[in-house]
């Protein structure tokens, strides 16, 4: 059987065009969620871009976070051993609580990603919500890093951004936490620039 020749298309983020390019329903389903699960874009923004209901996007993104690519297929995934909040390591439970204290608006999805970065284990959203509701008590009472404009040393400003990136924080969360623009967050050293959303690189970056 001759190998199928792939048609070359121009790169685009236009949802209507992407739908025309995709070959399989599962591929379309992933492209719908890709900005949310890969770059951490808000679901309300993706809903506006695609016309998909926000609640539907959140439900599908949650399923992807817990099941991976298998969530896009019709067959029901195999159940894994049930995880409970008590089965999480104490250090992970403490991190979950401390993240919510440090940044109350951080989503459960991002907390799971940060846990995965630190512990190589992604807790379920249900377990995270249970930990947030039941403890342990937070080990911190205030933010670790000052606001961007309250840090006069440029090197320290950059260090704070890179440190949060290394911990798994998204560009959007770092920008909100430090009260600075996403463009500034994306103005990282070249060897770390891949961590930012492509859209950050399409605009002039502000100097640190």
Protein backbone atom coordinates (compact mmCIF):
# COMPACT_ATOMS: atom_id res chain seq x y z
CA UNK A 1 0.00 0.00 0.00
CA UNK A 2 1.60 3.32 -1.02
CA UNK A 3 2.38 5.74 1.77
CA UNK A 4 -0.08 8.59 2.02
CA UNK A 5 1.43 11.94 1.16
CA UNK A 6 0.75 14.59 3.77
CA UNK A 7 -0.61 17.90 2.52
CA UNK A 8 1.40 20.88 3.73
CA UNK A 9 -0.70 23.57 5.39
CA UNK A 10 0.11 27.03 6.63
CA UNK A 11 0.44 27.19 10.41
CA UNK A 12 -2.59 28.79 12.00
CA UNK A 13 -4.45 29.15 15.29
CA UNK A 14 -7.78 29.87 13.60
CA UNK A 15 -10.21 27.28 14.90
CA UNK A 16 -12.35 27.07 11.79
CA UNK A 17 -9.28 26.40 9.66
CA UNK A 18 -7.87 23.84 12.09
CA UNK A 19 -11.14 21.89 11.94
CA UNK A 20 -10.71 21.64 8.16
CA UNK A 21 -7.15 20.34 8.55
CA UNK A 22 -7.79 17.58 11.10
CA UNK A 23 -8.35 14.03 9.84
CA UNK A 24 -9.81 12.25 12.86
CA UNK A 25 -12.41 13.17 15.52
CA UNK A 26 -9.86 12.51 18.27
CA UNK A 27 -7.41 14.87 16.58
CA UNK A 28 -10.07 17.58 16.42
CA UNK A 29 -10.92 17.00 20.09
CA UNK A 30 -7.28 17.45 21.09
CA UNK A 31 -6.83 20.59 19.00
CA UNK A 32 -9.89 22.03 20.72
CA UNK A 33 -8.24 21.60 24.12
CA UNK A 34 -4.57 22.07 23.21
CA UNK A 35 -4.25 25.76 24.26
CA UNK A 36 -5.90 24.92 27.60
CA UNK A 37 -4.03 21.73 28.54
CA UNK A 38 -0.68 22.64 26.96
CA UNK A 39 -0.35 26.38 27.55
CA UNK A 40 -2.81 26.89 30.40
CA UNK A 41 -5.05 29.30 28.49
CA UNK A 42 -8.30 30.10 30.36
CA UNK A 43 -11.26 27.99 29.25
CA UNK A 44 -13.40 31.11 28.91
CA UNK A 45 -10.93 32.44 26.32
CA UNK A 46 -10.98 29.17 24.38
CA UNK A 47 -14.77 29.11 24.53
CA UNK A 48 -14.87 32.53 22.90
CA UNK A 49 -12.42 31.39 20.20
CA UNK A 50 -14.23 28.16 19.31
CA UNK A 51 -17.87 28.55 20.33
CA UNK A 52 -17.60 25.49 22.57
CA UNK A 53 -19.36 25.92 25.95
CA UNK A 54 -16.97 26.75 28.76
CA UNK A 55 -18.37 24.02 31.00
CA UNK A 56 -17.80 21.45 28.26
CA UNK A 57 -14.20 22.58 27.82
CA UNK A 58 -13.55 22.39 31.56
CA UNK A 59 -15.04 18.89 31.76
CA UNK A 60 -12.97 17.65 28.82
CA UNK A 61 -9.79 19.30 30.14
CA UNK A 62 -10.33 17.67 33.53
CA UNK A 63 -10.76 14.30 31.83
CA UNK A 64 -7.56 14.84 29.84
CA UNK A 65 -5.61 15.81 32.97
CA UNK A 66 -6.65 12.58 34.69
CA UNK A 67 -6.75 10.11 31.76
CA UNK A 68 -4.45 11.53 29.07
CA UNK A 69 -5.02 10.99 25.36
CA UNK A 70 -7.29 8.00 25.99
CA UNK A 71 -9.97 10.47 27.13
CA UNK A 72 -10.48 11.44 23.46
CA UNK A 73 -11.53 7.95 22.42
CA UNK A 74 -15.01 6.49 22.69
CA UNK A 75 -14.01 3.40 24.68
CA UNK A 76 -14.10 3.81 28.44
CA UNK A 77 -10.59 3.92 29.96
CA UNK A 78 -9.54 1.27 32.44
CA UNK A 79 -9.96 2.33 36.02
CA UNK A 80 -6.81 2.84 38.02
CA UNK A 81 -6.45 2.11 41.71
CA UNK A 82 -8.59 4.58 43.59
CA UNK A 83 -6.70 7.55 44.92
CA UNK A 84 -7.75 9.38 48.05
CA UNK A 85 -6.53 12.57 49.64
CA UNK A 86 -5.04 10.50 52.46
CA UNK A 87 -3.02 8.44 50.00
CA UNK A 88 -1.12 11.53 48.83
CA UNK A 89 2.34 12.07 50.34
CA UNK A 90 2.34 14.54 53.25
CA UNK A 91 4.70 16.86 51.37
CA UNK A 92 2.32 16.98 48.43
CA UNK A 93 -0.66 17.71 50.64
CA UNK A 94 1.29 20.53 52.26
CA UNK A 95 2.24 21.97 48.87
CA UNK A 96 -1.40 21.94 47.73
CA UNK A 97 -2.49 23.93 50.78
CA UNK A 98 0.42 26.35 50.57
CA UNK A 99 -0.19 27.06 46.86
CA UNK A 100 -3.77 28.07 47.59
CA UNK A 101 -2.57 30.38 50.40
CA UNK A 102 0.08 31.95 48.20
CA UNK A 103 -2.23 32.40 45.21
CA UNK A 104 -5.93 31.91 46.03
CA UNK A 105 -7.02 32.21 42.40
CA UNK A 106 -4.81 29.32 41.18
CA UNK A 107 -6.89 26.63 39.50
CA UNK A 108 -7.06 23.04 40.66
CA UNK A 109 -5.70 22.01 37.26
CA UNK A 110 -2.57 24.10 37.71
CA UNK A 111 -2.06 22.87 41.27
CA UNK A 112 -2.08 19.33 39.85
CA UNK A 113 0.51 20.30 37.22
CA UNK A 114 2.80 21.85 39.84
CA UNK A 115 2.51 18.72 41.97
CA UNK A 116 3.42 16.65 38.92
CA UNK A 117 6.49 18.84 38.30
CA UNK A 118 7.74 18.46 41.86
CA UNK A 119 6.71 14.90 42.74
CA UNK A 120 6.32 13.27 39.30
CA UNK A 121 2.80 12.40 40.38
CA UNK A 122 -0.39 14.17 39.36
CA UNK A 123 -3.13 14.08 42.00
CA UNK A 124 -6.75 13.95 40.91
CA UNK A 125 -8.82 17.10 41.08
CA UNK A 126 -11.09 15.46 43.64
CA UNK A 127 -8.12 14.70 45.92
CA UNK A 128 -6.85 18.28 45.63
CA UNK A 129 -10.26 19.70 46.54
CA UNK A 130 -10.44 17.36 49.53
CA UNK A 131 -7.00 18.42 50.75
CA UNK A 132 -7.93 22.09 50.37
CA UNK A 133 -11.05 21.51 52.43
CA UNK A 134 -9.54 19.36 55.18
CA UNK A 135 -5.96 20.50 55.68
CA UNK A 136 -3.20 20.26 56.76
CA UNK A 137 -2.76 23.82 58.08
CA UNK A 138 -0.69 26.03 55.75
CA UNK A 139 3.01 26.27 56.48
CA UNK A 140 3.25 29.79 55.05
CA UNK A 141 1.36 32.95 55.94
CA UNK A 142 2.51 35.26 53.17
CA UNK A 143 3.85 35.30 49.63
CA UNK A 144 7.41 34.14 48.98
CA UNK A 145 8.21 36.73 46.32
CA UNK A 146 7.37 40.45 46.29
CA UNK A 147 5.55 42.10 43.41
CA UNK A 148 7.64 42.69 40.30
CA UNK A 149 7.73 46.46 40.72
CA UNK A 150 8.64 46.09 44.39
CA UNK A 151 11.83 44.25 43.44
CA UNK A 152 14.41 46.88 42.42
CA UNK A 153 17.16 44.43 41.40
CA UNK A 154 16.67 43.27 37.76
CA UNK A 155 18.60 40.06 38.44
CA UNK A 156 16.32 39.21 41.34
CA UNK A 157 13.25 39.97 39.23
CA UNK A 158 14.44 37.51 36.61
CA UNK A 159 15.34 34.94 39.26
CA UNK A 160 11.84 35.08 40.73
CA UNK A 161 10.22 34.48 37.34
CA UNK A 162 12.56 31.61 36.47
CA UNK A 163 12.05 30.01 39.88
CA UNK A 164 8.27 30.01 39.52
CA UNK A 165 8.61 28.60 36.00
CA UNK A 166 10.82 25.82 37.32
CA UNK A 167 8.18 24.95 39.91
CA UNK A 168 5.57 24.52 37.18
CA UNK A 169 3.67 27.81 37.41
CA UNK A 170 2.05 28.94 34.15
CA UNK A 171 2.87 32.22 32.48
CA UNK A 172 -0.59 33.55 33.31
CA UNK A 173 -0.26 32.69 37.00
CA UNK A 174 3.22 34.18 37.29
CA UNK A 175 1.99 37.39 35.66
CA UNK A 176 -0.97 37.62 38.04
CA UNK A 177 1.11 36.73 41.10
CA UNK A 178 3.84 39.28 40.38
CA UNK A 179 1.37 41.89 39.04
CA UNK A 180 3.18 42.19 35.74
CA UNK A 181 2.31 41.60 32.09
CA UNK A 182 2.61 38.22 30.37
CA UNK A 183 4.97 39.87 27.90
CA UNK A 184 7.40 40.63 30.70
CA UNK A 185 7.15 37.09 32.06
CA UNK A 186 7.98 35.77 28.61
CA UNK A 187 11.13 37.93 28.40
CA UNK A 188 13.26 35.04 29.68
CA UNK A 189 16.73 33.87 28.68
CA UNK A 190 16.80 32.12 25.32
CA UNK A 191 17.25 28.69 26.86
CA UNK A 192 13.99 29.08 28.79
CA UNK A 193 11.90 30.88 26.19
CA UNK A 194 10.29 27.61 25.06
CA UNK A 195 8.31 27.60 28.29
CA UNK A 196 6.18 30.51 27.13
CA UNK A 197 3.12 30.45 24.93
CA UNK A 198 3.89 31.22 21.28
CA UNK A 199 1.65 34.27 21.50
CA UNK A 200 4.08 35.84 23.97
CA UNK A 201 6.79 35.78 21.34
CA UNK A 202 4.68 37.43 18.65
CA UNK A 203 4.75 40.79 20.39
CA UNK A 204 7.52 43.10 21.45
CA UNK A 205 8.83 42.01 24.82
CA UNK A 206 9.25 44.46 27.65
CA UNK A 207 12.74 44.71 29.16
CA UNK A 208 13.20 43.30 32.64
